[in-house]
Amino acid sequence: MIEKMADKCRDLLYMTPAIHVQGNKEIYIENCKRIEEYNEVLIRLRSPGLCIQIWGSSLRAFDFKTNGLIIKGKIERIEFTESR
């Protein structure tokens, strides 16, 4: 019950991540809390309720402010893992 209420509150406050993908060259992720791992082939991000992994080559992160992040490079795969 409490978990359902927390999910609804998160949705109402727009705290869930929003991801905008442009081809396989750029991703913009809103509501990203922190970068957990960063290198040229993997960027792992933490957002409310999700762990997001971006796999590729020559990956670079830009503009980490206001809880958003731009990732550029050759993007091969995006993975989502629920976390609580």
Foldseek 3Di string as FASTA:
>chain_A
DVVVVVVVVCVVVVQDKDWDDDAQFKIKIANWDDWDDDDQAWTWTDGVFKIKIWGDGRWDWDDCPNRMIMIGDGTDDIDIDTDD
